[in-house]
Amino acid sequence: MTPASAQSPPVSLARPDSSLVTALLVTVAVLLALFLLLRHVVRRHGGWRRFRRRVARELALTRRAFGEPLRAFRRHRRGVRALSRHLGDPRSGLLVRRLLDAAGAALDDVPGAFAYGLRAGPRWAAVQIAARGLPGPPAPWEVADGLGAQSWCLSLDDEESLPDAAPRAGARVRPLPVAVGVADDLCVHLDLAAGPRMITVEGDAATRSRLLQALAAQLDRPGSGAAVTVADGVHPHYRGEPLDAVLRRLEDTPAAATQEGEAVGAALTVVVCASPTREQSRRLSALTAAGTVVCLADGPAAGHSWALRVNGRGRVTAPELELYADSAPLGRAVASVVRADRRRARRAPTRQGPIESAVEPRTAPEQRAPETAEVLGTSALSEIGRESRYPATAPVRTIAGSDLLSEPATARSRSTEASSTGGE
C-alpha cells in the first residue's frame, strides 16, 4: 500500500433529499384521497357502467350546446337557399297550384273535404287535406308513412304522371298559396283561400311583423292572382289608408259584380291590417265569409280564423292545421326574389301597342288586371320617397306588399330610377 493511496479521500454515497420525499408522499396521499372520493361518487350513482354512460351523455350535450349556433346558422342559410330557389322559379308556383287543384278535384266525392296545405321538395310533394273520413288516394297519389293520415304524397320525378290541373267543381276562386317557411328542407305552403280566409299572425311582435310582411310580399308578386291592400298601422314607415275606409269601400262593392269577377278569374282582394277592433273584425268576418276578400291580420282578431303562432326564433306553428315550420329564412328569401322581380321588370318592361292602349278602357287602380298592377308596382319605391318628402300634398296611396320588404332608396337611386322611368 503506497502512501498516496493511503491519503486519498473516502468515497461518499448521495443521500435522498428530504423535500423530494415529502412531495412524493403528499402526491400519493392526494391521489389516494381523490380515488377514494371518486369511488364513493361512482358507488352513489350506481356503479362504474352507469357513471361512464352519464359522463358520455354530459360530454355529448356539451358538444351539442357549443355546436348548435353553427348548425343553426348553416340550417338558416340552407333554408334561405331552398326558399329562394323555390319562389324564384315560376314553374314551382304553377306546380303548387296545379297540385292543389288536382287534389281538390279528386275530393269532389268527399263532402266537406278540401286541400289546404302543401309541402314541396325537389323529388316529391305532399298535400294536406281536411276531411272527417279521408278515403284512399286515387292514382297517382299515394299515402306515405310519417306524413300523417290526412296527407297524400306524389312523386315529382316523372312530369307525365302528374295529375291534370282541373279545378274543383263549384269552386269560385283558384288556390292562393303562400310559403310560410321550411320544414326538413321542404317548402311549406298554406292555401289562404281554402279555409275561413281570415288568417291571424300571433306571437312575438317583431317576428310576426316580418312574417306578415313576407306573406303580403308573396301575394303582391306577378302571377299570384291577388290584389294586396295594406291598411294603416302595418308598417311603421308607411301611413296607409285607414282600415275603416278600406272596409267601407269593400262593403260598397256590389256582391253580384264581385261574384262575376271571381267567376272570370279576376284578382282576389287581400286586406293586410294590424290589430283590428272587435267591430272591424266582425266586418272583416262578414266579407271573408261572403268570399269577397282574404284578410291577413297582425295580432289576434275576433271571429273564425286560422291562427299562425310564431315565437322569437321564427318557429311558426298551427297545431289544428298540423303546420310546423321555420319562418326565419322566409324574409330574406322573399326579399331577394322581389328584388329579382324588380330587376327583371326594369330590363324587360311590358309595352302596349298604340291600338291596344286606345281600345282598352281605363279603369280604377283597384280594378286593374293583375299584370298591370304588378308592372306599376315596380315604381312604388320612388312614389313612397316622394310621399315622405311631401306628406301634406301627396295623396294616400295603397302600398304593395313587396314594397314593405324593399330597402329605402337613396337620393342617387331615386334620381336614377326617375330617369329610367322617364326614358321608358
Protein backbone atom coordinates (compact mmCIF):
# COMPACT_ATOMS: atom_id res chain seq x y z
CA MET A 1 0.00 0.00 0.00
CA THR A 2 1.58 3.24 -1.15
CA PRO A 3 1.41 6.42 0.90
CA ALA A 4 -0.54 8.26 -1.88
CA SER A 5 -3.35 5.73 -1.82
CA ALA A 6 -3.48 5.83 1.94
CA GLN A 7 -4.02 9.60 1.88
CA SER A 8 -6.92 9.61 -0.80
CA PRO A 9 -10.34 10.86 0.46
CA PRO A 10 -13.08 8.31 1.07
CA VAL A 11 -16.00 7.89 -1.48
CA SER A 12 -19.40 9.23 -0.14
CA LEU A 13 -22.81 8.00 -1.35
CA ALA A 14 -25.64 10.52 -2.21
CA ARG A 15 -28.37 10.82 0.39
CA PRO A 16 -32.03 11.27 -0.62
CA ASP A 17 -33.37 14.83 -0.37
CA SER A 18 -35.92 15.20 2.39
CA SER A 19 -38.05 17.75 0.40
CA LEU A 20 -38.41 15.38 -2.59
CA VAL A 21 -39.57 12.53 -0.37
CA THR A 22 -42.11 14.80 1.26
CA ALA A 23 -43.53 15.87 -2.12
CA LEU A 24 -43.86 12.28 -3.27
CA LEU A 25 -45.67 11.28 -0.12
CA VAL A 26 -48.08 14.21 -0.36
CA THR A 27 -48.82 13.43 -4.04
CA VAL A 28 -49.55 9.78 -3.25
CA ALA A 29 -51.84 10.80 -0.40
CA VAL A 30 -53.76 13.27 -2.58
CA LEU A 31 -54.19 10.73 -5.39
CA LEU A 32 -55.39 8.14 -2.91
CA ALA A 33 -57.90 10.61 -1.45
CA LEU A 34 -59.17 11.52 -4.92
CA PHE A 35 -59.52 7.85 -5.84
CA LEU A 36 -61.48 7.14 -2.69
CA LEU A 37 -63.70 10.16 -3.30
CA LEU A 38 -64.31 9.14 -6.95
CA ARG A 39 -65.06 5.60 -5.83
CA HIS A 40 -67.60 6.93 -3.35
CA VAL A 41 -69.27 9.10 -6.00
CA VAL A 42 -69.37 6.22 -8.50
CA ARG A 43 -71.00 3.97 -5.95
CA ARG A 44 -73.65 6.55 -5.21
CA HIS A 45 -74.51 6.78 -8.94
CA GLY A 46 -74.93 3.05 -9.46
CA GLY A 47 -71.50 1.77 -10.40
CA TRP A 48 -68.83 2.36 -12.98
CA ARG A 49 -71.02 1.46 -16.00
CA ARG A 50 -73.74 3.99 -15.22
CA PHE A 51 -71.13 6.57 -14.33
CA ARG A 52 -69.41 6.18 -17.72
CA ARG A 53 -72.74 6.48 -19.53
CA ARG A 54 -73.65 9.63 -17.64
CA VAL A 55 -70.26 11.23 -18.33
CA ALA A 56 -70.56 10.36 -22.04
CA ARG A 57 -74.05 11.87 -22.15
CA GLU A 58 -72.90 15.08 -20.46
CA LEU A 59 -70.00 15.40 -22.88
CA ALA A 60 -72.34 14.90 -25.84
CA LEU A 61 -74.73 17.56 -24.52
CA THR A 62 -71.87 19.99 -24.02
CA ARG A 63 -70.57 19.41 -27.53
CA ARG A 64 -74.06 19.85 -28.94
CA ALA A 65 -74.65 23.07 -27.00
CA PHE A 66 -71.41 24.64 -28.23
CA GLY A 67 -72.04 23.48 -31.82
CA GLU A 68 -75.72 24.48 -32.00
CA PRO A 69 -75.09 28.12 -33.10
CA LEU A 70 -73.03 26.94 -36.05
CA ARG A 71 -75.59 24.33 -37.02
CA ALA A 72 -78.41 26.87 -36.70
CA PHE A 73 -76.54 29.27 -38.98
CA ARG A 74 -75.99 26.55 -41.59
CA ARG A 75 -79.63 25.47 -41.34
CA HIS A 76 -80.75 29.08 -41.80
CA ARG A 77 -78.59 29.53 -44.89
CA ARG A 78 -79.84 26.25 -46.32
CA GLY A 79 -83.44 27.34 -45.74
CA VAL A 80 -82.84 30.70 -47.44
CA ARG A 81 -81.35 28.96 -50.48
CA ALA A 82 -84.19 26.44 -50.68
CA LEU A 83 -86.91 29.10 -50.43
CA SER A 84 -85.17 31.45 -52.85
CA ARG A 85 -84.78 28.67 -55.39
CA HIS A 86 -88.40 27.58 -54.97
CA LEU A 87 -90.00 31.03 -55.01
CA GLY A 88 -87.76 32.31 -57.80
CA ASP A 89 -88.80 29.56 -60.21
CA PRO A 90 -92.14 30.38 -61.91
CA ARG A 91 -92.74 26.69 -62.57
CA SER A 92 -92.77 25.99 -58.83
CA GLY A 93 -95.70 28.32 -58.24
CA LEU A 94 -97.60 26.80 -61.15
CA LEU A 95 -96.86 23.32 -59.84
CA VAL A 96 -98.16 24.17 -56.36
CA ARG A 97 -101.46 25.49 -57.77
CA ARG A 98 -101.72 22.51 -60.10
CA LEU A 99 -101.33 20.01 -57.25
CA LEU A 100 -103.84 21.83 -55.05
CA ASP A 101 -106.34 21.95 -57.93
CA ALA A 102 -105.79 18.28 -58.68
CA ALA A 103 -106.25 17.27 -55.04
CA GLY A 104 -109.42 19.37 -54.83
CA ALA A 105 -110.78 17.74 -57.98
CA ALA A 106 -110.05 14.28 -56.53
CA LEU A 107 -112.05 15.21 -53.41
CA ASP A 108 -115.28 16.07 -55.24
CA ASP A 109 -116.99 12.93 -53.97
CA VAL A 110 -115.96 13.55 -50.35
CA PRO A 111 -118.34 16.05 -48.70
CA GLY A 112 -116.63 18.83 -46.79
CA ALA A 113 -113.10 17.79 -47.76
CA PHE A 114 -110.60 20.25 -49.19
CA ALA A 115 -106.83 20.59 -49.61
CA TYR A 116 -105.33 23.47 -47.64
CA GLY A 117 -101.57 22.90 -47.44
CA LEU A 118 -98.65 21.52 -49.36
CA ARG A 119 -95.07 20.54 -48.58
CA ALA A 120 -92.90 20.54 -51.68
CA GLY A 121 -89.41 19.19 -52.21
CA PRO A 122 -87.19 18.57 -55.23
CA ARG A 123 -88.36 14.95 -55.65
CA TRP A 124 -91.84 14.73 -54.11
CA ALA A 125 -94.74 16.74 -52.70
CA ALA A 126 -97.40 16.09 -50.08
CA VAL A 127 -100.84 17.73 -49.95
CA GLN A 128 -102.53 18.19 -46.56
CA ILE A 129 -106.28 17.55 -46.60
CA ALA A 130 -109.02 18.43 -44.13
CA ALA A 131 -111.74 15.75 -44.03
CA ARG A 132 -113.64 13.72 -41.48
CA GLY A 133 -113.23 10.41 -43.29
CA LEU A 134 -110.50 10.59 -45.92
CA PRO A 135 -110.73 7.75 -48.45
CA GLY A 136 -107.84 6.09 -50.17
CA PRO A 137 -105.97 8.32 -52.62
CA PRO A 138 -106.56 7.81 -56.33
CA ALA A 139 -103.67 7.28 -58.70
CA PRO A 140 -101.08 8.77 -58.94
CA TRP A 141 -101.48 9.90 -55.31
CA GLU A 142 -100.08 7.73 -52.53
CA VAL A 143 -100.09 7.54 -48.74
CA ALA A 144 -96.58 7.88 -47.32
CA ASP A 145 -95.52 6.76 -43.86
CA GLY A 146 -94.59 9.52 -41.44
CA LEU A 147 -96.70 12.22 -43.12
CA GLY A 148 -99.94 11.60 -41.27
CA ALA A 149 -103.22 10.04 -42.29
CA GLN A 150 -104.52 13.33 -43.73
CA SER A 151 -101.84 13.71 -46.42
CA TRP A 152 -101.47 12.50 -49.98
CA CYS A 153 -97.99 12.13 -51.42
CA LEU A 154 -96.92 12.38 -55.05
CA SER A 155 -93.60 11.77 -56.79
CA LEU A 156 -92.31 14.60 -58.98
CA ASP A 157 -89.71 12.61 -60.91
CA ASP A 158 -91.97 11.94 -63.90
CA GLU A 159 -93.78 15.05 -65.17
CA GLU A 160 -96.04 13.00 -67.43
CA SER A 161 -97.57 11.21 -64.43
CA LEU A 162 -98.61 14.44 -62.71
CA PRO A 163 -102.38 14.96 -62.36
CA ASP A 164 -104.17 17.43 -64.56
CA ALA A 165 -104.78 20.94 -63.24
CA ALA A 166 -108.57 20.62 -63.12
CA PRO A 167 -110.16 22.98 -60.56
CA ARG A 168 -112.68 21.60 -58.14
CA ALA A 169 -116.29 21.75 -59.27
CA GLY A 170 -118.16 24.64 -57.71
CA ALA A 171 -115.01 26.48 -56.61
CA ARG A 172 -115.25 30.19 -57.39
CA VAL A 173 -111.57 31.07 -56.98
CA ARG A 174 -108.28 29.40 -57.64
CA PRO A 175 -105.94 28.48 -54.79
CA LEU A 176 -103.98 31.28 -53.17
CA PRO A 177 -100.89 29.52 -51.76
CA VAL A 178 -98.10 31.27 -49.88
CA ALA A 179 -94.90 29.85 -48.40
CA VAL A 180 -94.75 30.10 -44.61
CA GLY A 181 -91.33 28.50 -44.05
CA VAL A 182 -89.31 25.33 -44.33
CA ALA A 183 -89.53 22.00 -42.51
CA ASP A 184 -86.97 19.25 -43.07
CA ASP A 185 -85.69 21.06 -46.19
CA LEU A 186 -89.25 21.13 -47.59
CA CYS A 187 -91.08 24.34 -48.52
CA VAL A 188 -94.32 24.55 -46.52
CA HIS A 189 -97.25 26.25 -48.28
CA LEU A 190 -100.66 27.30 -46.99
CA ASP A 191 -103.67 28.00 -49.21
CA LEU A 192 -105.23 31.20 -47.87
CA ALA A 193 -108.38 30.78 -49.96
CA ALA A 194 -109.17 27.27 -48.72
CA GLY A 195 -110.39 27.91 -45.17
CA PRO A 196 -112.13 30.84 -43.44
CA ARG A 197 -109.99 33.32 -45.43
CA MET A 198 -109.05 35.19 -42.26
CA ILE A 199 -105.51 34.43 -41.14
CA THR A 200 -104.03 35.96 -37.99
CA VAL A 201 -100.33 36.03 -37.17
CA GLU A 202 -99.77 35.93 -33.41
CA GLY A 203 -96.84 35.58 -31.04
CA ASP A 204 -93.63 37.63 -30.84
CA ALA A 205 -94.29 41.18 -32.08
CA ALA A 206 -91.15 41.65 -34.19
CA THR A 207 -91.17 38.14 -35.67
CA ARG A 208 -94.84 38.15 -36.56
CA SER A 209 -94.47 41.53 -38.31
CA ARG A 210 -91.70 40.13 -40.51
CA LEU A 211 -93.77 37.05 -41.28
CA LEU A 212 -96.82 39.14 -42.17
CA GLN A 213 -94.78 41.36 -44.49
CA ALA A 214 -93.25 38.31 -46.17
CA LEU A 215 -96.71 36.82 -46.80
CA ALA A 216 -98.01 40.11 -48.22
CA ALA A 217 -94.97 40.45 -50.49
CA GLN A 218 -95.56 36.99 -51.94
CA LEU A 219 -99.17 37.84 -52.72
CA ASP A 220 -98.08 41.04 -54.48
CA ARG A 221 -95.72 39.22 -56.85
CA PRO A 222 -96.62 38.87 -60.54
CA GLY A 223 -98.95 35.99 -61.25
CA SER A 224 -100.13 35.49 -57.67
CA GLY A 225 -103.76 36.24 -58.55
CA ALA A 226 -104.22 38.69 -55.65
CA ALA A 227 -104.60 42.45 -55.28
CA VAL A 228 -102.99 43.47 -51.98
CA THR A 229 -104.26 46.42 -49.92
CA VAL A 230 -102.17 47.36 -46.87
CA ALA A 231 -104.00 49.34 -44.20
CA ASP A 232 -102.59 51.84 -41.75
CA GLY A 233 -100.51 50.52 -38.85
CA VAL A 234 -98.96 47.53 -40.61
CA HIS A 235 -95.62 49.14 -41.45
CA PRO A 236 -94.06 51.85 -39.24
CA HIS A 237 -92.59 53.73 -42.23
CA TYR A 238 -95.81 53.98 -44.23
CA ARG A 239 -99.09 55.75 -43.45
CA GLY A 240 -101.61 53.60 -45.26
CA GLU A 241 -105.31 54.02 -45.75
CA PRO A 242 -107.41 53.60 -42.57
CA LEU A 243 -108.96 50.19 -42.18
CA ASP A 244 -112.46 51.66 -41.81
CA ALA A 245 -112.13 53.35 -45.20
CA VAL A 246 -110.94 50.10 -46.79
CA LEU A 247 -113.86 48.20 -45.27
CA ARG A 248 -116.33 50.86 -46.38
CA ARG A 249 -115.07 50.66 -49.96
CA LEU A 250 -115.27 46.87 -50.00
CA GLU A 251 -118.74 46.84 -48.48
CA ASP A 252 -119.96 49.30 -51.08
CA THR A 253 -118.82 46.98 -53.88
CA PRO A 254 -121.87 45.13 -55.26
CA ALA A 255 -121.90 41.46 -54.42
CA ALA A 256 -123.04 40.47 -57.90
CA ALA A 257 -120.09 42.22 -59.51
CA THR A 258 -117.75 40.50 -57.06
CA GLN A 259 -119.12 37.06 -57.81
CA GLU A 260 -118.97 37.72 -61.53
CA GLY A 261 -115.36 38.87 -61.21
CA GLU A 262 -114.45 35.73 -59.36
CA ALA A 263 -116.18 33.63 -61.97
CA VAL A 264 -113.99 35.02 -64.72
CA GLY A 265 -110.84 34.63 -62.63
CA ALA A 266 -110.24 38.23 -61.50
CA ALA A 267 -107.69 39.05 -58.84
CA LEU A 268 -108.79 38.27 -55.30
CA THR A 269 -108.58 41.20 -52.88
CA VAL A 270 -106.28 40.68 -49.90
CA VAL A 271 -106.52 43.09 -46.97
CA VAL A 272 -103.47 43.32 -44.69
CA CYS A 273 -104.26 45.03 -41.37
CA ALA A 274 -102.93 45.28 -37.81
CA SER A 275 -104.83 44.72 -34.56
CA PRO A 276 -108.42 45.14 -35.80
CA THR A 277 -111.04 46.06 -33.25
CA ARG A 278 -114.00 43.84 -32.45
CA GLU A 279 -116.27 45.80 -34.78
CA GLN A 280 -113.68 45.75 -37.57
CA SER A 281 -113.17 42.02 -37.04
CA ARG A 282 -116.93 41.49 -37.36
CA ARG A 283 -116.99 43.39 -40.66
CA LEU A 284 -113.94 41.51 -41.92
CA SER A 285 -115.56 38.20 -40.96
CA ALA A 286 -118.64 39.12 -42.97
CA LEU A 287 -116.53 39.98 -46.02
CA THR A 288 -114.43 36.82 -45.79
CA ALA A 289 -117.49 34.65 -45.25
CA ALA A 290 -119.05 36.12 -48.39
CA GLY A 291 -115.91 35.27 -50.37
CA THR A 292 -115.13 38.90 -51.12
CA VAL A 293 -111.69 39.27 -49.58
CA VAL A 294 -108.91 37.41 -47.80
CA CYS A 295 -107.68 39.04 -44.61
CA LEU A 296 -104.17 38.90 -43.12
CA ALA A 297 -104.18 40.37 -39.60
CA ASP A 298 -101.21 41.24 -37.41
CA GLY A 299 -102.34 40.09 -33.99
CA PRO A 300 -105.46 38.25 -32.79
CA ALA A 301 -108.85 39.03 -34.29
CA ALA A 302 -112.32 38.04 -33.17
CA GLY A 303 -114.14 35.56 -35.36
CA HIS A 304 -113.47 32.34 -37.18
CA SER A 305 -109.86 32.39 -38.40
CA TRP A 306 -106.66 30.40 -38.84
CA ALA A 307 -104.04 31.44 -36.29
CA LEU A 308 -100.32 31.19 -37.11
CA ARG A 309 -98.31 31.43 -33.88
CA VAL A 310 -94.64 32.35 -34.20
CA ASN A 311 -92.02 32.62 -31.46
CA GLY A 312 -88.96 34.84 -31.21
CA ARG A 313 -86.78 32.36 -33.12
CA GLY A 314 -89.14 32.23 -36.12
CA ARG A 315 -90.79 28.89 -35.38
CA VAL A 316 -94.35 29.07 -36.73
CA THR A 317 -96.93 26.55 -35.56
CA ALA A 318 -100.62 25.87 -36.13
CA PRO A 319 -101.49 22.58 -34.37
CA GLU A 320 -105.05 22.49 -35.71
CA LEU A 321 -103.60 22.62 -39.24
CA GLU A 322 -100.69 20.28 -38.49
CA LEU A 323 -98.36 23.08 -39.59
CA TYR A 324 -94.86 23.26 -38.12
CA ALA A 325 -92.21 25.22 -39.99
CA ASP A 326 -89.26 27.57 -39.60
CA SER A 327 -90.18 31.01 -40.93
CA ALA A 328 -86.87 32.71 -40.08
CA PRO A 329 -85.37 32.24 -43.60
CA LEU A 330 -88.57 33.41 -45.33
CA GLY A 331 -87.93 37.16 -45.05
CA ARG A 332 -84.52 37.12 -46.73
CA ALA A 333 -85.70 34.70 -49.42
CA VAL A 334 -88.78 36.76 -50.32
CA ALA A 335 -86.75 39.99 -50.32
CA SER A 336 -84.23 38.53 -52.76
CA VAL A 337 -87.00 37.22 -55.03
CA VAL A 338 -88.81 40.60 -55.01
CA ARG A 339 -85.59 42.40 -55.92
CA ALA A 340 -85.09 39.93 -58.77
CA ASP A 341 -88.63 40.66 -59.97
CA ARG A 342 -87.91 44.38 -59.97
CA ARG A 343 -84.69 43.93 -61.93
CA ARG A 344 -86.49 41.72 -64.42
CA ALA A 345 -89.26 44.29 -64.84
CA ARG A 346 -86.75 47.08 -65.44
CA ARG A 347 -84.83 45.06 -68.02
CA ALA A 348 -87.92 43.93 -69.97
CA PRO A 349 -90.82 46.36 -69.35
CA THR A 350 -94.20 45.39 -70.71
CA ARG A 351 -95.14 47.75 -73.55
CA GLN A 352 -98.57 48.08 -75.06
CA GLY A 353 -99.25 48.87 -78.68
CA PRO A 354 -100.95 52.15 -79.65
CA ILE A 355 -104.05 50.38 -80.91
CA GLU A 356 -104.40 48.25 -77.76
CA SER A 357 -103.88 51.23 -75.48
CA ALA A 358 -106.52 53.24 -77.35
CA VAL A 359 -109.08 50.44 -77.32
CA GLU A 360 -108.55 49.30 -73.71
CA PRO A 361 -110.96 51.08 -71.31
CA ARG A 362 -109.47 52.98 -68.40
CA THR A 363 -110.29 51.52 -65.01
CA ALA A 364 -109.64 52.41 -61.41
CA PRO A 365 -106.40 51.24 -59.76
CA GLU A 366 -108.29 48.68 -57.65
CA GLN A 367 -109.98 47.16 -60.73
CA ARG A 368 -106.94 46.81 -62.97
CA ALA A 369 -105.75 43.46 -64.16
CA PRO A 370 -103.09 41.71 -62.06
CA GLU A 371 -100.42 42.17 -64.72
CA THR A 372 -100.95 45.94 -64.88
CA ALA A 373 -100.88 46.33 -61.11
CA GLU A 374 -97.70 44.31 -60.89
CA VAL A 375 -95.95 46.39 -63.56
CA LEU A 376 -96.94 49.62 -61.81
CA GLY A 377 -95.63 48.24 -58.53
CA THR A 378 -92.05 48.49 -59.80
CA SER A 379 -92.06 52.29 -59.38
CA ALA A 380 -93.72 52.24 -55.96
CA LEU A 381 -90.43 52.82 -54.17
CA SER A 382 -89.92 56.21 -55.82
CA GLU A 383 -93.52 57.16 -55.06
CA ILE A 384 -93.04 56.32 -51.38
CA GLY A 385 -89.95 58.54 -51.36
CA ARG A 386 -91.91 61.44 -52.83
CA GLU A 387 -94.72 60.96 -50.32
CA SER A 388 -92.26 61.06 -47.40
CA ARG A 389 -90.80 64.34 -48.73
CA TYR A 390 -94.20 66.00 -49.26
CA PRO A 391 -96.59 64.49 -46.69
CA ALA A 392 -99.05 67.40 -46.81
CA THR A 393 -99.76 67.37 -50.55
CA ALA A 394 -99.21 63.72 -51.52
CA PRO A 395 -102.41 61.64 -51.71
CA VAL A 396 -102.82 58.46 -49.68
CA ARG A 397 -101.80 55.50 -51.79
CA THR A 398 -102.17 51.80 -51.15
CA ILE A 399 -98.77 50.28 -50.62
CA ALA A 400 -97.93 46.95 -52.18
CA GLY A 401 -96.69 44.03 -50.13
CA SER A 402 -93.38 43.88 -51.97
CA ASP A 403 -92.61 47.48 -51.01
CA LEU A 404 -92.62 46.55 -47.34
CA LEU A 405 -89.52 44.42 -47.83
CA SER A 406 -87.67 46.80 -50.16
CA GLU A 407 -84.72 48.82 -48.95
CA PRO A 408 -85.10 52.62 -48.60
CA ALA A 409 -83.98 54.44 -51.74
CA THR A 410 -81.19 56.98 -51.53
CA ALA A 411 -81.08 60.24 -53.46
CA ARG A 412 -78.87 58.73 -56.12
CA SER A 413 -81.06 55.67 -56.60
CA ARG A 414 -84.20 57.83 -56.79
CA SER A 415 -82.68 60.04 -59.46
CA THR A 416 -81.52 57.00 -61.41
CA GLU A 417 -84.93 55.36 -61.18
CA ALA A 418 -86.70 58.58 -62.19
CA SER A 419 -84.50 58.95 -65.27
CA SER A 420 -85.06 55.32 -66.25
CA THR A 421 -88.80 55.66 -65.77
CA GLY A 422 -88.92 58.78 -67.90
CA GLY A 423 -86.98 57.03 -70.65
CA GLU A 424 -89.41 54.17 -70.62
